[in-house]
């Protein structure tokens, strides 16, 4: 683990009437670059990538590449540890 990680929190503003339960999904669709899916399967991440057209990144161990690309037809990249 890295002992000294510099981080800062950015307040995210939105001018839409988005219900609290949907804020995570809303912010995923508003990404500037890519969506990182850290868990094995996240319909929020996958759907946000499909709707926004942004590339989704995931770890090699967490996905079956062939099944994943066939089902979702997304722009994706596999991250290798």
Protein backbone atom coordinates (compact mmCIF):
# COMPACT_ATOMS: atom_id res chain seq x y z
CA UNK A 1 0.00 0.00 0.00
CA UNK A 2 1.11 3.54 -0.67
CA UNK A 3 1.66 5.31 2.69
CA UNK A 4 1.15 8.91 1.52
CA UNK A 5 -1.73 9.42 -0.80
CA UNK A 6 -2.67 12.98 -1.54
CA UNK A 7 -6.35 13.37 -2.11
CA UNK A 8 -8.86 16.13 -2.22
CA UNK A 9 -12.62 16.06 -2.32
CA UNK A 10 -14.46 17.92 -4.99
CA UNK A 11 -18.01 19.04 -4.44
CA UNK A 12 -20.09 17.93 -7.39
CA UNK A 13 -22.82 20.31 -8.41
CA UNK A 14 -25.76 19.51 -10.57
CA UNK A 15 -28.69 21.59 -11.72
CA UNK A 16 -31.07 18.72 -12.27
CA UNK A 17 -33.79 17.43 -10.06
CA UNK A 18 -32.11 14.05 -9.56
CA UNK A 19 -33.47 11.88 -6.74
CA UNK A 20 -30.86 11.02 -4.13
CA UNK A 21 -31.06 7.31 -4.96
CA UNK A 22 -29.92 7.99 -8.55
CA UNK A 23 -27.02 10.39 -7.92
CA UNK A 24 -24.31 7.72 -8.31
CA UNK A 25 -25.74 6.68 -11.65
CA UNK A 26 -26.16 10.30 -12.75
CA UNK A 27 -22.51 11.12 -11.97
CA UNK A 28 -21.31 7.97 -13.76
CA UNK A 29 -23.07 9.12 -16.93
CA UNK A 30 -21.44 12.57 -16.65
CA UNK A 31 -17.83 11.34 -16.57
CA UNK A 32 -15.31 13.20 -18.74
CA UNK A 33 -13.10 10.24 -19.58
CA UNK A 34 -13.70 6.63 -18.47
CA UNK A 35 -15.70 4.58 -16.01
CA UNK A 36 -13.76 2.23 -13.73
CA UNK A 37 -15.72 -0.84 -12.67
CA UNK A 38 -13.96 -2.20 -9.59
CA UNK A 39 -16.43 -4.90 -8.67
CA UNK A 40 -17.20 -8.02 -10.67
CA UNK A 41 -20.51 -6.73 -12.00
CA UNK A 42 -22.21 -3.35 -11.70
CA UNK A 43 -25.31 -2.60 -13.74
CA UNK A 44 -24.92 1.11 -12.82
CA UNK A 45 -21.40 1.20 -14.31
CA UNK A 46 -22.28 -0.89 -17.36
CA UNK A 47 -25.48 1.02 -18.11
CA UNK A 48 -23.78 4.40 -17.60
CA UNK A 49 -21.05 3.39 -20.05
CA UNK A 50 -23.62 2.28 -22.61
CA UNK A 51 -25.69 5.47 -22.25
CA UNK A 52 -22.78 7.92 -22.19
CA UNK A 53 -20.61 6.18 -24.78
CA UNK A 54 -17.62 6.37 -22.41
CA UNK A 55 -15.09 3.56 -22.19
CA UNK A 56 -15.46 1.22 -19.23
CA UNK A 57 -12.31 -0.12 -17.57
CA UNK A 58 -12.23 -3.34 -15.57
CA UNK A 59 -9.70 -5.76 -14.11
CA UNK A 60 -8.78 -8.92 -15.98
CA UNK A 61 -9.63 -11.25 -13.09
CA UNK A 62 -13.15 -9.92 -12.69
CA UNK A 63 -14.57 -10.54 -16.16
CA UNK A 64 -15.00 -13.20 -18.78
CA UNK A 65 -13.97 -11.05 -21.75
CA UNK A 66 -15.85 -12.96 -24.43
CA UNK A 67 -19.14 -13.09 -22.52
CA UNK A 68 -18.81 -9.47 -21.43
CA UNK A 69 -18.31 -8.06 -24.93
CA UNK A 70 -21.06 -10.20 -26.42
CA UNK A 71 -23.69 -9.20 -23.87
CA UNK A 72 -23.03 -5.50 -23.47
CA UNK A 73 -21.35 -4.40 -26.72
CA UNK A 74 -19.39 -1.66 -24.95
CA UNK A 75 -16.20 0.23 -25.58
CA UNK A 76 -13.99 -1.32 -22.91
CA UNK A 77 -10.43 -1.86 -21.80
CA UNK A 78 -9.02 -4.63 -19.63
CA UNK A 79 -6.62 -3.52 -16.93
CA UNK A 80 -3.90 -6.01 -16.11
CA UNK A 81 -2.41 -5.92 -12.63
